[in-house]
Amino acid sequence: MSIIILLICISLAIALLFLGGFIWSMKSGQYDDTYGPSVRMLFDDKKKQTKKDK
């Protein structure tokens, strides 16, 4: 019976850790730009010119 209580406490600690990480990422602005990545894939990357290309 004591192992169940221990496992519940460990799972709650892990859940609180993930919740804290999510709140920290929201406050740091990680999810602010929702438009840029969806449009970025439509444009070609500019290739660097080498001496052979000139």
Protein backbone atom coordinates (compact mmCIF):
# COMPACT_ATOMS: atom_id res chain seq x y z
CA MET A 1 0.00 0.00 0.00
CA SER A 2 2.85 2.39 0.76
CA ILE A 3 4.28 1.90 -2.75
CA ILE A 4 1.05 3.25 -4.28
CA ILE A 5 1.33 6.43 -2.23
CA LEU A 6 4.98 6.76 -3.23
CA LEU A 7 4.15 6.32 -6.93
CA ILE A 8 1.31 8.86 -6.72
CA CYS A 9 3.65 11.39 -5.10
CA ILE A 10 6.30 10.82 -7.78
CA SER A 11 3.78 11.15 -10.60
CA LEU A 12 2.40 14.36 -9.12
CA ALA A 13 5.92 15.77 -8.83
CA ILE A 14 6.63 14.95 -12.49
CA ALA A 15 3.30 16.46 -13.56
CA LEU A 16 4.07 19.66 -11.64
CA LEU A 17 7.50 19.77 -13.23
CA PHE A 18 5.99 19.59 -16.72
CA LEU A 19 3.36 22.17 -15.81
CA GLY A 20 6.08 24.51 -14.57
CA GLY A 21 8.04 24.02 -17.79
CA PHE A 22 4.97 24.76 -19.88
CA ILE A 23 4.15 27.93 -17.94
CA TRP A 24 7.79 29.05 -18.21
CA SER A 25 7.78 28.52 -21.98
CA MET A 26 4.54 30.48 -22.33
CA LYS A 27 5.94 33.40 -20.34
CA SER A 28 9.21 33.42 -22.28
CA GLY A 29 7.31 33.88 -25.57
CA GLN A 30 8.18 30.60 -27.24
CA TYR A 31 4.73 30.24 -28.84
CA ASP A 32 4.25 33.88 -29.92
CA ASP A 33 5.04 33.51 -33.64
CA THR A 34 2.41 31.18 -35.07
CA TYR A 35 2.44 32.67 -38.58
CA GLY A 36 6.15 32.62 -39.45
CA PRO A 37 6.88 28.88 -39.51
CA SER A 38 3.85 28.11 -41.65
CA VAL A 39 4.92 30.59 -44.32
CA ARG A 40 8.66 29.95 -44.06
CA MET A 41 8.35 26.53 -45.71
CA LEU A 42 6.87 28.11 -48.85
CA PHE A 43 10.02 30.06 -49.71
CA ASP A 44 13.21 28.56 -51.12
CA ASP A 45 16.40 28.90 -49.14
CA LYS A 46 19.03 31.12 -50.72
CA LYS A 47 22.04 29.09 -51.74
CA LYS A 48 25.51 30.35 -51.01
CA GLN A 49 27.53 31.08 -54.09
CA THR A 50 30.83 29.33 -54.40
CA LYS A 51 33.71 30.10 -56.75
CA LYS A 52 32.52 27.38 -59.13
CA ASP A 53 29.07 29.00 -59.50
CA LYS A 54 30.45 32.37 -60.67
